[in-house]
């Protein structure tokens, strides 16, 4: 089992280095291409309630995507990390600037006092963050397990979508029993449906 953990740590480190190595300009351009694919994506267009996350550091820029969801009059939820309970609480946000502050590990998250909880079963589309992905939908996150615990709570019909730069797609991710897959990965070049 230790071997799997070591492999995952190596993949996490090398993929993060590749993602961090993208220039701001490259990230902006690639994020725009991903937004364009997401904007035409049927599951996104049909979804009433979308769980996003606010991008942090070198992640795909989700800001314009969240604004697009607001334009389309969707209900937008962002994850609040409840450290005591070790779980994700989806909260409805109304304004991308006023409803967000740095939270767990400095990651932008909704302000509990300003936003109201959304029942997990109301989420039609969940945008799942991660560091590395493979074409089977395998995912390596930040190693905290919050999303691996959260994903099984989602309705069976809820699409789990990862937004990823091509440089984050790896050959194969070693998955452990508690690890959860994503259904679809949107990159700047393509949409990958889980094999």
N, C-alpha and C. Protein backbone atom coordinates (compact mmCIF):
# COMPACT_ATOMS: atom_id res chain seq x y z
N UNK A 1 0.84 -1.20 0.00
CA UNK A 1 0.00 0.00 0.00
C UNK A 1 0.88 1.26 0.00
N UNK A 2 1.99 1.17 0.71
CA UNK A 2 2.90 2.31 0.80
C UNK A 2 3.41 2.71 -0.58
N UNK A 3 3.58 1.69 -1.44
CA UNK A 3 4.06 1.92 -2.79
C UNK A 3 3.10 2.85 -3.55
N UNK A 4 1.79 2.60 -3.38
CA UNK A 4 0.76 3.42 -4.05
C UNK A 4 0.87 4.87 -3.55
N UNK A 5 1.03 5.03 -2.24
CA UNK A 5 1.14 6.38 -1.67
C UNK A 5 2.37 7.11 -2.21
N UNK A 6 3.47 6.38 -2.35
CA UNK A 6 4.70 6.97 -2.89
C UNK A 6 4.50 7.39 -4.34
N UNK A 7 3.87 6.50 -5.12
CA UNK A 7 3.60 6.81 -6.54
C UNK A 7 2.73 8.05 -6.65
N UNK A 8 1.68 8.09 -5.82
CA UNK A 8 0.78 9.24 -5.87
C UNK A 8 1.52 10.53 -5.50
N UNK A 9 2.37 10.45 -4.48
CA UNK A 9 3.14 11.63 -4.05
C UNK A 9 4.04 12.11 -5.18
N UNK A 10 4.65 11.15 -5.89
CA UNK A 10 5.54 11.50 -7.02
C UNK A 10 4.75 12.17 -8.14
N UNK A 11 3.58 11.58 -8.47
CA UNK A 11 2.73 12.15 -9.54
C UNK A 11 2.26 13.54 -9.14
N UNK A 12 1.85 13.67 -7.87
CA UNK A 12 1.37 14.97 -7.37
C UNK A 12 2.47 16.03 -7.53
N UNK A 13 3.68 15.67 -7.14
CA UNK A 13 4.80 16.61 -7.16
C UNK A 13 5.18 17.00 -8.60
N UNK A 14 5.31 16.01 -9.48
CA UNK A 14 5.75 16.31 -10.86
C UNK A 14 4.67 17.06 -11.64
N UNK A 15 3.38 16.69 -11.42
CA UNK A 15 2.29 17.35 -12.13
C UNK A 15 2.14 18.80 -11.66
N UNK A 16 2.26 18.99 -10.36
CA UNK A 16 2.17 20.33 -9.79
C UNK A 16 3.29 21.22 -10.35
N UNK A 17 4.47 20.64 -10.49
CA UNK A 17 5.61 21.39 -11.04
C UNK A 17 5.31 21.81 -12.49
N UNK A 18 4.68 20.90 -13.25
CA UNK A 18 4.33 21.24 -14.64
C UNK A 18 3.28 22.35 -14.68
N UNK A 19 2.26 22.21 -13.81
CA UNK A 19 1.20 23.22 -13.80
C UNK A 19 1.73 24.57 -13.34
N UNK A 20 2.56 24.55 -12.28
CA UNK A 20 3.15 25.79 -11.78
C UNK A 20 4.08 26.42 -12.82
N UNK A 21 4.62 25.59 -13.72
CA UNK A 21 5.55 26.06 -14.74
C UNK A 21 4.89 26.81 -15.89
N UNK A 22 3.56 26.72 -15.97
CA UNK A 22 2.86 27.47 -17.03
C UNK A 22 2.93 28.96 -16.70
N UNK A 23 3.15 29.77 -17.72
CA UNK A 23 3.17 31.21 -17.48
C UNK A 23 1.75 31.71 -17.23
N UNK A 24 1.64 32.90 -16.67
CA UNK A 24 0.31 33.48 -16.39
C UNK A 24 -0.48 33.59 -17.70
N UNK A 25 0.21 33.99 -18.77
CA UNK A 25 -0.42 34.16 -20.07
C UNK A 25 -0.95 32.80 -20.58
N UNK A 26 -0.11 31.76 -20.46
CA UNK A 26 -0.53 30.42 -20.91
C UNK A 26 -1.75 29.95 -20.12
N UNK A 27 -1.69 30.17 -18.81
CA UNK A 27 -2.81 29.75 -17.95
C UNK A 27 -4.09 30.46 -18.35
N UNK A 28 -3.98 31.78 -18.60
CA UNK A 28 -5.15 32.57 -18.99
C UNK A 28 -5.73 32.05 -20.30
N UNK A 29 -4.88 31.83 -21.29
CA UNK A 29 -5.35 31.36 -22.60
C UNK A 29 -5.97 29.98 -22.52
N UNK A 30 -5.30 29.08 -21.80
CA UNK A 30 -5.81 27.71 -21.67
C UNK A 30 -7.13 27.70 -20.88
N UNK A 31 -7.21 28.55 -19.84
CA UNK A 31 -8.45 28.64 -19.04
C UNK A 31 -9.60 29.14 -19.90
N UNK A 32 -9.29 30.09 -20.81
CA UNK A 32 -10.34 30.61 -21.72
C UNK A 32 -10.85 29.50 -22.62
N UNK A 33 -9.93 28.67 -23.13
CA UNK A 33 -10.32 27.55 -24.00
C UNK A 33 -11.19 26.54 -23.24
N UNK A 34 -10.85 26.32 -21.97
CA UNK A 34 -11.63 25.38 -21.14
C UNK A 34 -13.02 25.98 -20.88
N UNK A 35 -13.08 27.29 -20.60
CA UNK A 35 -14.37 27.98 -20.41
C UNK A 35 -15.24 27.83 -21.66
N UNK A 36 -14.62 27.98 -22.82
CA UNK A 36 -15.36 27.89 -24.07
C UNK A 36 -15.96 26.49 -24.25
N UNK A 37 -15.19 25.45 -23.89
CA UNK A 37 -15.72 24.07 -23.97
C UNK A 37 -16.83 23.85 -22.94
N UNK A 38 -16.61 24.36 -21.73
CA UNK A 38 -17.62 24.20 -20.67
C UNK A 38 -18.92 24.90 -21.07
N UNK A 39 -18.80 26.08 -21.70
CA UNK A 39 -19.98 26.88 -22.09
C UNK A 39 -20.87 26.16 -23.10
N UNK A 40 -20.29 25.24 -23.87
CA UNK A 40 -21.08 24.51 -24.87
C UNK A 40 -21.42 23.09 -24.40
N UNK A 41 -21.03 22.78 -23.19
CA UNK A 41 -21.17 21.43 -22.65
C UNK A 41 -22.60 21.23 -22.15
N UNK A 42 -23.29 20.25 -22.73
CA UNK A 42 -24.72 20.06 -22.43
C UNK A 42 -25.00 19.92 -20.93
N UNK A 43 -24.19 19.15 -20.22
CA UNK A 43 -24.44 18.96 -18.78
C UNK A 43 -24.37 20.28 -18.01
N UNK A 44 -23.50 21.17 -18.45
CA UNK A 44 -23.38 22.49 -17.81
C UNK A 44 -24.60 23.35 -18.16
N UNK A 45 -24.96 23.34 -19.44
CA UNK A 45 -26.09 24.16 -19.88
C UNK A 45 -27.40 23.73 -19.23
N UNK A 46 -27.55 22.41 -19.02
CA UNK A 46 -28.81 21.89 -18.45
C UNK A 46 -28.85 21.98 -16.93
N UNK A 47 -27.69 22.10 -16.30
CA UNK A 47 -27.64 22.08 -14.84
C UNK A 47 -28.28 23.34 -14.25
N UNK A 48 -29.09 23.13 -13.22
CA UNK A 48 -29.71 24.25 -12.52
C UNK A 48 -28.77 24.75 -11.42
N UNK A 49 -28.17 23.79 -10.71
CA UNK A 49 -27.28 24.11 -9.60
C UNK A 49 -25.91 23.51 -9.87
N UNK A 50 -24.90 24.36 -9.86
CA UNK A 50 -23.53 23.91 -10.15
C UNK A 50 -22.63 24.18 -8.94
N UNK A 51 -21.91 23.15 -8.53
CA UNK A 51 -20.90 23.32 -7.49
C UNK A 51 -19.58 23.61 -8.19
N UNK A 52 -19.02 24.77 -7.95
CA UNK A 52 -17.70 25.14 -8.47
C UNK A 52 -16.72 25.11 -7.30
N UNK A 53 -15.50 25.51 -7.55
CA UNK A 53 -14.56 25.86 -6.49
C UNK A 53 -13.88 27.12 -7.02
N UNK A 54 -13.43 27.97 -6.11
CA UNK A 54 -12.74 29.19 -6.56
C UNK A 54 -11.28 28.84 -6.73
N UNK A 55 -10.78 29.05 -7.96
CA UNK A 55 -9.41 28.65 -8.27
C UNK A 55 -8.40 29.33 -7.35
N UNK A 56 -7.30 28.62 -7.14
CA UNK A 56 -6.27 29.04 -6.20
C UNK A 56 -4.92 28.76 -6.86
N UNK A 57 -4.00 29.65 -6.69
CA UNK A 57 -2.64 29.49 -7.23
C UNK A 57 -2.68 29.18 -8.74
N UNK A 58 -2.10 28.03 -9.16
CA UNK A 58 -1.95 27.78 -10.61
C UNK A 58 -3.09 26.96 -11.21
N UNK A 59 -4.21 26.84 -10.50
CA UNK A 59 -5.34 26.05 -11.03
C UNK A 59 -5.97 26.74 -12.24
N UNK A 60 -6.72 25.95 -13.02
CA UNK A 60 -7.54 26.51 -14.10
C UNK A 60 -8.38 27.63 -13.48
N UNK A 61 -8.44 28.78 -14.14
CA UNK A 61 -9.14 29.95 -13.58
C UNK A 61 -10.65 29.75 -13.68
N UNK A 62 -11.29 29.55 -12.53
CA UNK A 62 -12.74 29.31 -12.52
C UNK A 62 -13.56 30.59 -12.41
N UNK A 63 -12.91 31.73 -12.12
CA UNK A 63 -13.65 32.99 -11.96
C UNK A 63 -14.59 33.30 -13.12
N UNK A 64 -14.07 33.33 -14.37
CA UNK A 64 -14.93 33.61 -15.52
C UNK A 64 -16.04 32.56 -15.71
N UNK A 65 -15.77 31.34 -15.29
CA UNK A 65 -16.78 30.27 -15.43
C UNK A 65 -17.93 30.48 -14.45
N UNK A 66 -17.57 30.90 -13.25
CA UNK A 66 -18.59 31.19 -12.23
C UNK A 66 -19.44 32.37 -12.70
N UNK A 67 -18.78 33.39 -13.26
CA UNK A 67 -19.53 34.55 -13.77
C UNK A 67 -20.46 34.12 -14.91
N UNK A 68 -19.99 33.22 -15.76
CA UNK A 68 -20.81 32.70 -16.86
C UNK A 68 -22.05 31.98 -16.30
N UNK A 69 -21.85 31.19 -15.24
CA UNK A 69 -22.97 30.48 -14.61
C UNK A 69 -23.99 31.47 -14.06
N UNK A 70 -23.50 32.57 -13.47
CA UNK A 70 -24.42 33.62 -12.98
C UNK A 70 -25.19 34.24 -14.15
N UNK A 71 -24.50 34.50 -15.26
CA UNK A 71 -25.17 35.07 -16.45
C UNK A 71 -26.30 34.16 -16.92
N UNK A 72 -26.07 32.86 -16.82
CA UNK A 72 -27.07 31.87 -17.26
C UNK A 72 -28.12 31.61 -16.17
N UNK A 73 -28.06 32.44 -15.11
CA UNK A 73 -29.03 32.38 -13.99
C UNK A 73 -29.04 31.03 -13.28
N UNK A 74 -27.85 30.46 -13.14
CA UNK A 74 -27.73 29.20 -12.41
C UNK A 74 -27.50 29.49 -10.93
N UNK A 75 -27.82 28.52 -10.12
CA UNK A 75 -27.49 28.60 -8.70
C UNK A 75 -26.05 28.11 -8.58
N UNK A 76 -25.20 28.92 -7.96
CA UNK A 76 -23.79 28.56 -7.84
C UNK A 76 -23.45 28.29 -6.38
N UNK A 77 -22.89 27.12 -6.14
CA UNK A 77 -22.43 26.77 -4.79
C UNK A 77 -20.91 26.65 -4.82
N UNK A 78 -20.29 26.99 -3.70
CA UNK A 78 -18.86 26.79 -3.53
C UNK A 78 -18.65 25.97 -2.26
N UNK A 79 -17.56 25.20 -2.21
CA UNK A 79 -17.35 24.36 -1.03
C UNK A 79 -16.72 25.12 0.14
N UNK A 80 -17.31 24.93 1.30
CA UNK A 80 -16.70 25.41 2.54
C UNK A 80 -16.13 24.18 3.22
N UNK A 81 -14.88 24.24 3.62
CA UNK A 81 -14.27 23.10 4.31
C UNK A 81 -14.55 23.23 5.80
N UNK A 82 -15.32 22.29 6.32
CA UNK A 82 -15.58 22.25 7.76
C UNK A 82 -14.50 21.35 8.37
N UNK A 83 -13.47 21.98 8.93
CA UNK A 83 -12.32 21.22 9.42
C UNK A 83 -12.67 20.35 10.62
N UNK A 84 -13.57 20.82 11.46
CA UNK A 84 -13.94 20.02 12.65
C UNK A 84 -14.59 18.71 12.25
N UNK A 85 -15.52 18.79 11.28
CA UNK A 85 -16.23 17.59 10.85
C UNK A 85 -15.49 16.85 9.73
N UNK A 86 -14.47 17.51 9.16
CA UNK A 86 -13.71 16.90 8.07
C UNK A 86 -14.54 16.71 6.82
N UNK A 87 -15.42 17.69 6.55
CA UNK A 87 -16.30 17.54 5.38
C UNK A 87 -16.47 18.84 4.62
N UNK A 88 -17.03 18.69 3.41
CA UNK A 88 -17.32 19.83 2.55
C UNK A 88 -18.79 20.22 2.75
N UNK A 89 -19.02 21.52 2.95
CA UNK A 89 -20.38 22.04 3.04
C UNK A 89 -20.61 22.95 1.83
N UNK A 90 -21.51 22.57 0.89
CA UNK A 90 -21.77 23.45 -0.25
C UNK A 90 -22.62 24.65 0.17
N UNK A 91 -22.14 25.85 -0.14
CA UNK A 91 -22.89 27.06 0.20
C UNK A 91 -23.19 27.86 -1.06
N UNK A 92 -24.41 28.37 -1.14
CA UNK A 92 -24.82 29.17 -2.30
C UNK A 92 -24.19 30.56 -2.20
N UNK A 93 -23.53 30.98 -3.29
CA UNK A 93 -22.98 32.34 -3.30
C UNK A 93 -23.80 33.21 -4.25
N UNK A 94 -23.78 34.50 -3.96
CA UNK A 94 -24.55 35.46 -4.75
C UNK A 94 -23.61 36.40 -5.50
N UNK A 95 -22.43 36.62 -4.93
CA UNK A 95 -21.50 37.58 -5.50
C UNK A 95 -20.08 37.05 -5.32
N UNK A 96 -19.35 36.98 -6.43
CA UNK A 96 -18.02 36.38 -6.41
C UNK A 96 -17.01 37.17 -5.59
N UNK A 97 -17.23 38.48 -5.49
CA UNK A 97 -16.27 39.30 -4.74
C UNK A 97 -16.62 39.36 -3.25
N UNK A 98 -17.90 39.63 -2.97
CA UNK A 98 -18.28 39.90 -1.58
C UNK A 98 -18.50 38.65 -0.73
N UNK A 99 -18.79 37.52 -1.38
CA UNK A 99 -19.18 36.33 -0.60
C UNK A 99 -18.02 35.37 -0.33
N UNK A 100 -16.79 35.79 -0.67
CA UNK A 100 -15.66 34.87 -0.58
C UNK A 100 -14.52 35.46 0.24
N UNK A 101 -13.85 34.58 1.01
CA UNK A 101 -12.67 34.99 1.75
C UNK A 101 -11.70 33.80 1.81
N UNK A 102 -10.42 34.04 2.11
CA UNK A 102 -9.49 32.92 2.23
C UNK A 102 -9.91 32.03 3.40
N UNK A 103 -9.91 30.72 3.16
CA UNK A 103 -10.31 29.77 4.21
C UNK A 103 -9.23 28.75 4.46
N UNK A 104 -9.62 27.49 4.50
CA UNK A 104 -8.72 26.37 4.75
C UNK A 104 -7.53 26.42 3.79
N UNK A 105 -6.32 26.40 4.34
CA UNK A 105 -5.07 26.45 3.56
C UNK A 105 -5.00 27.66 2.61
N UNK A 106 -5.72 28.73 2.97
CA UNK A 106 -5.69 29.95 2.16
C UNK A 106 -6.56 29.87 0.91
N UNK A 107 -7.29 28.76 0.76
CA UNK A 107 -8.14 28.59 -0.42
C UNK A 107 -9.38 29.48 -0.29
N UNK A 108 -9.73 30.21 -1.36
CA UNK A 108 -10.93 31.06 -1.28
C UNK A 108 -12.17 30.19 -1.08
N UNK A 109 -12.97 30.57 -0.09
CA UNK A 109 -14.21 29.82 0.13
C UNK A 109 -15.33 30.76 0.57
N UNK A 110 -16.59 30.28 0.50
CA UNK A 110 -17.71 31.17 0.84
C UNK A 110 -17.72 31.55 2.32
N UNK A 111 -18.26 32.73 2.58
CA UNK A 111 -18.39 33.22 3.96
C UNK A 111 -19.70 32.65 4.52
N UNK A 112 -19.58 31.84 5.56
CA UNK A 112 -20.74 31.13 6.11
C UNK A 112 -21.89 32.06 6.48
N UNK A 113 -21.56 33.23 7.04
CA UNK A 113 -22.59 34.16 7.51
C UNK A 113 -23.38 34.79 6.34
N UNK A 114 -22.77 34.84 5.18
CA UNK A 114 -23.41 35.50 4.03
C UNK A 114 -24.12 34.52 3.10
N UNK A 115 -23.78 33.24 3.19
CA UNK A 115 -24.25 32.27 2.21
C UNK A 115 -25.05 31.16 2.88
N UNK A 116 -26.01 30.62 2.13
CA UNK A 116 -26.82 29.58 2.77
C UNK A 116 -26.46 28.20 2.22
N UNK A 117 -26.55 27.17 3.08
CA UNK A 117 -26.21 25.82 2.64
C UNK A 117 -27.16 25.33 1.55
N UNK A 118 -26.62 24.51 0.67
CA UNK A 118 -27.41 23.91 -0.40
C UNK A 118 -27.41 22.40 -0.18
N UNK A 119 -28.58 21.77 -0.19
CA UNK A 119 -28.59 20.31 -0.02
C UNK A 119 -27.79 19.65 -1.15
N UNK A 120 -26.95 18.69 -0.76
CA UNK A 120 -26.07 18.03 -1.73
C UNK A 120 -26.87 17.44 -2.89
N UNK A 121 -28.07 16.93 -2.60
CA UNK A 121 -28.86 16.29 -3.66
C UNK A 121 -29.40 17.29 -4.69
N UNK A 122 -29.30 18.58 -4.41
CA UNK A 122 -29.75 19.60 -5.38
C UNK A 122 -28.68 19.91 -6.43
N UNK A 123 -27.45 19.46 -6.18
CA UNK A 123 -26.35 19.77 -7.12
C UNK A 123 -26.48 18.89 -8.36
N UNK A 124 -26.57 19.54 -9.54
CA UNK A 124 -26.70 18.80 -10.80
C UNK A 124 -25.35 18.53 -11.45
N UNK A 125 -24.41 19.44 -11.20
CA UNK A 125 -23.08 19.31 -11.81
C UNK A 125 -22.07 19.73 -10.75
N UNK A 126 -21.07 18.88 -10.51
CA UNK A 126 -20.05 19.20 -9.51
C UNK A 126 -18.70 19.32 -10.20
N UNK A 127 -18.10 20.49 -10.09
CA UNK A 127 -16.77 20.72 -10.65
C UNK A 127 -15.77 20.36 -9.55
N UNK A 128 -14.97 19.34 -9.83
CA UNK A 128 -14.09 18.75 -8.81
C UNK A 128 -12.64 19.16 -9.06
N UNK A 129 -11.98 19.76 -8.07
CA UNK A 129 -10.58 20.14 -8.29
C UNK A 129 -9.65 18.93 -8.19
N UNK A 130 -8.43 19.11 -8.64
CA UNK A 130 -7.45 18.04 -8.52
C UNK A 130 -6.12 18.48 -9.09
N UNK A 131 -5.10 17.70 -8.83
CA UNK A 131 -3.77 18.02 -9.35
C UNK A 131 -3.48 17.23 -10.61
N UNK A 132 -3.82 15.93 -10.59
CA UNK A 132 -3.53 15.08 -11.75
C UNK A 132 -4.74 14.20 -12.04
N UNK A 133 -4.92 13.87 -13.33
CA UNK A 133 -6.04 13.03 -13.76
C UNK A 133 -5.54 12.06 -14.83
N UNK A 134 -6.25 10.93 -14.96
CA UNK A 134 -5.96 10.06 -16.11
C UNK A 134 -7.24 9.89 -16.93
N UNK A 135 -7.14 9.27 -18.09
CA UNK A 135 -8.28 9.21 -19.01
C UNK A 135 -9.40 8.30 -18.52
N UNK A 136 -9.15 7.55 -17.46
CA UNK A 136 -10.22 6.72 -16.88
C UNK A 136 -11.03 7.50 -15.84
N UNK A 137 -10.64 8.76 -15.63
CA UNK A 137 -11.34 9.55 -14.63
C UNK A 137 -10.66 9.50 -13.27
N UNK A 138 -9.53 8.78 -13.20
CA UNK A 138 -8.76 8.74 -11.94
C UNK A 138 -8.27 10.13 -11.58
N UNK A 139 -8.16 10.39 -10.29
CA UNK A 139 -7.83 11.74 -9.82
C UNK A 139 -6.91 11.69 -8.61
N UNK A 140 -5.96 12.60 -8.61
CA UNK A 140 -5.16 12.83 -7.41
C UNK A 140 -5.44 14.26 -6.98
N UNK A 141 -5.91 14.40 -5.74
CA UNK A 141 -6.19 15.73 -5.22
C UNK A 141 -5.02 16.23 -4.39
N UNK A 142 -5.35 16.99 -3.37
CA UNK A 142 -4.29 17.60 -2.55
C UNK A 142 -3.94 16.74 -1.34
N UNK A 143 -4.53 15.55 -1.29
CA UNK A 143 -4.15 14.61 -0.23
C UNK A 143 -4.93 14.73 1.06
N UNK A 144 -5.99 15.54 1.06
CA UNK A 144 -6.75 15.73 2.31
C UNK A 144 -7.97 14.81 2.38
N UNK A 145 -8.40 14.28 1.23
CA UNK A 145 -9.53 13.34 1.21
C UNK A 145 -10.91 13.97 1.30
N UNK A 146 -11.00 15.31 1.33
CA UNK A 146 -12.31 15.95 1.46
C UNK A 146 -13.25 15.56 0.31
N UNK A 147 -12.73 15.62 -0.92
CA UNK A 147 -13.58 15.30 -2.07
C UNK A 147 -13.87 13.81 -2.18
N UNK A 148 -12.92 12.96 -1.77
CA UNK A 148 -13.18 11.51 -1.80
C UNK A 148 -14.33 11.16 -0.84
N UNK A 149 -14.46 11.93 0.23
CA UNK A 149 -15.57 11.69 1.16
C UNK A 149 -16.86 12.34 0.66
N UNK A 150 -16.71 13.46 -0.08
CA UNK A 150 -17.87 14.22 -0.53
C UNK A 150 -18.56 13.60 -1.75
N UNK A 151 -17.76 13.14 -2.72
CA UNK A 151 -18.31 12.62 -3.98
C UNK A 151 -19.39 11.55 -3.78
N UNK A 152 -19.20 10.57 -2.87
CA UNK A 152 -20.26 9.56 -2.70
C UNK A 152 -21.59 10.12 -2.19
N UNK A 153 -21.57 11.34 -1.63
CA UNK A 153 -22.82 11.95 -1.14
C UNK A 153 -23.66 12.52 -2.29
N UNK A 154 -23.00 12.78 -3.42
CA UNK A 154 -23.71 13.37 -4.57
C UNK A 154 -24.70 12.37 -5.14
N UNK A 155 -25.76 12.90 -5.73
CA UNK A 155 -26.75 12.05 -6.38
C UNK A 155 -26.10 11.26 -7.51
N UNK A 156 -26.60 10.06 -7.76
CA UNK A 156 -26.05 9.19 -8.80
C UNK A 156 -26.07 9.88 -10.18
N UNK A 157 -27.04 10.80 -10.38
CA UNK A 157 -27.16 11.47 -11.69
C UNK A 157 -26.27 12.71 -11.81
N UNK A 158 -25.67 13.14 -10.70
CA UNK A 158 -24.83 14.34 -10.71
C UNK A 158 -23.52 14.06 -11.45
N UNK A 159 -23.27 14.84 -12.48
CA UNK A 159 -22.02 14.68 -13.24
C UNK A 159 -20.87 15.30 -12.44
N UNK A 160 -19.78 14.54 -12.36
CA UNK A 160 -18.58 15.02 -11.66
C UNK A 160 -17.53 15.37 -12.73
N UNK A 161 -17.25 16.67 -12.84
CA UNK A 161 -16.42 17.16 -13.94
C UNK A 161 -15.15 17.80 -13.39
N UNK A 162 -14.02 17.42 -13.99
CA UNK A 162 -12.74 18.03 -13.63
C UNK A 162 -12.34 19.01 -14.72
N UNK A 163 -11.79 20.13 -14.32
CA UNK A 163 -11.22 21.10 -15.26
C UNK A 163 -9.71 20.97 -15.13
N UNK A 164 -9.04 20.71 -16.25
CA UNK A 164 -7.62 20.39 -16.15
C UNK A 164 -6.86 20.89 -17.37
N UNK A 165 -5.65 21.36 -17.14
CA UNK A 165 -4.77 21.64 -18.26
C UNK A 165 -4.26 20.30 -18.78
N UNK A 166 -3.93 20.23 -20.07
CA UNK A 166 -3.41 18.99 -20.65
C UNK A 166 -2.19 18.49 -19.88
N UNK A 167 -1.37 19.41 -19.37
CA UNK A 167 -0.15 18.99 -18.65
C UNK A 167 -0.45 18.26 -17.35
N UNK A 168 -1.74 18.25 -16.93
CA UNK A 168 -2.12 17.55 -15.70
C UNK A 168 -2.64 16.13 -15.98
N UNK A 169 -2.76 15.78 -17.27
CA UNK A 169 -3.25 14.44 -17.62
C UNK A 169 -2.05 13.50 -17.65
N UNK A 170 -2.13 12.44 -16.86
CA UNK A 170 -1.03 11.48 -16.78
C UNK A 170 -1.48 10.12 -17.31
N UNK A 171 -0.52 9.24 -17.53
CA UNK A 171 -0.79 7.92 -18.09
C UNK A 171 -1.78 7.14 -17.23
N UNK A 172 -1.42 6.96 -15.97
CA UNK A 172 -2.31 6.21 -15.08
C UNK A 172 -2.10 6.62 -13.63
N UNK A 173 -3.22 6.78 -12.94
CA UNK A 173 -3.18 7.13 -11.53
C UNK A 173 -3.47 5.88 -10.71
N UNK A 174 -2.60 5.54 -9.77
CA UNK A 174 -2.89 4.39 -8.91
C UNK A 174 -4.03 4.75 -7.96
N UNK A 175 -5.14 4.03 -8.06
CA UNK A 175 -6.31 4.36 -7.23
C UNK A 175 -6.40 3.40 -6.05
N UNK A 176 -6.72 3.96 -4.89
CA UNK A 176 -6.95 3.15 -3.69
C UNK A 176 -8.46 3.00 -3.50
N UNK A 177 -8.89 2.06 -2.65
CA UNK A 177 -10.34 1.81 -2.50
C UNK A 177 -11.16 3.06 -2.14
N UNK A 178 -10.57 3.98 -1.37
CA UNK A 178 -11.34 5.17 -0.95
C UNK A 178 -11.32 6.28 -2.01
N UNK A 179 -10.51 6.14 -3.04
CA UNK A 179 -10.40 7.18 -4.07
C UNK A 179 -11.63 7.19 -4.96
N UNK A 180 -12.04 8.37 -5.38
CA UNK A 180 -13.23 8.50 -6.23
C UNK A 180 -12.86 9.05 -7.61
N UNK A 181 -13.58 8.56 -8.60
CA UNK A 181 -13.33 8.95 -9.99
C UNK A 181 -14.18 10.17 -10.38
N UNK A 182 -13.72 10.87 -11.42
CA UNK A 182 -14.55 11.91 -12.03
C UNK A 182 -15.16 11.28 -13.29
N UNK A 183 -16.27 11.86 -13.78
CA UNK A 183 -16.94 11.31 -14.98
C UNK A 183 -16.35 11.87 -16.26
N UNK A 184 -15.98 13.15 -16.20
CA UNK A 184 -15.60 13.89 -17.40
C UNK A 184 -14.46 14.84 -17.04
N UNK A 185 -13.52 14.99 -17.97
CA UNK A 185 -12.43 15.95 -17.77
C UNK A 185 -12.43 16.90 -18.96
N UNK A 186 -12.46 18.20 -18.67
CA UNK A 186 -12.41 19.20 -19.75
C UNK A 186 -11.04 19.86 -19.71
N UNK A 187 -10.30 19.74 -20.84
CA UNK A 187 -9.01 20.40 -20.95
C UNK A 187 -9.11 21.47 -22.04
N UNK A 188 -8.00 22.17 -22.27
CA UNK A 188 -8.02 23.19 -23.32
C UNK A 188 -8.12 22.57 -24.71
N UNK A 189 -7.83 21.27 -24.84
CA UNK A 189 -7.83 20.61 -26.15
C UNK A 189 -9.01 19.68 -26.41
N UNK A 190 -9.63 19.17 -25.34
CA UNK A 190 -10.63 18.11 -25.55
C UNK A 190 -11.51 17.92 -24.32
N UNK A 191 -12.56 17.11 -24.53
CA UNK A 191 -13.40 16.66 -23.41
C UNK A 191 -13.20 15.15 -23.33
N UNK A 192 -12.75 14.69 -22.17
CA UNK A 192 -12.46 13.27 -21.98
C UNK A 192 -13.61 12.65 -21.18
N UNK A 193 -14.26 11.67 -21.77
CA UNK A 193 -15.31 10.95 -21.05
C UNK A 193 -14.70 9.70 -20.45
N UNK A 194 -15.04 9.42 -19.20
CA UNK A 194 -14.47 8.27 -18.51
C UNK A 194 -14.66 7.00 -19.34
N UNK A 195 -13.59 6.26 -19.50
CA UNK A 195 -13.63 5.05 -20.33
C UNK A 195 -14.45 3.96 -19.63
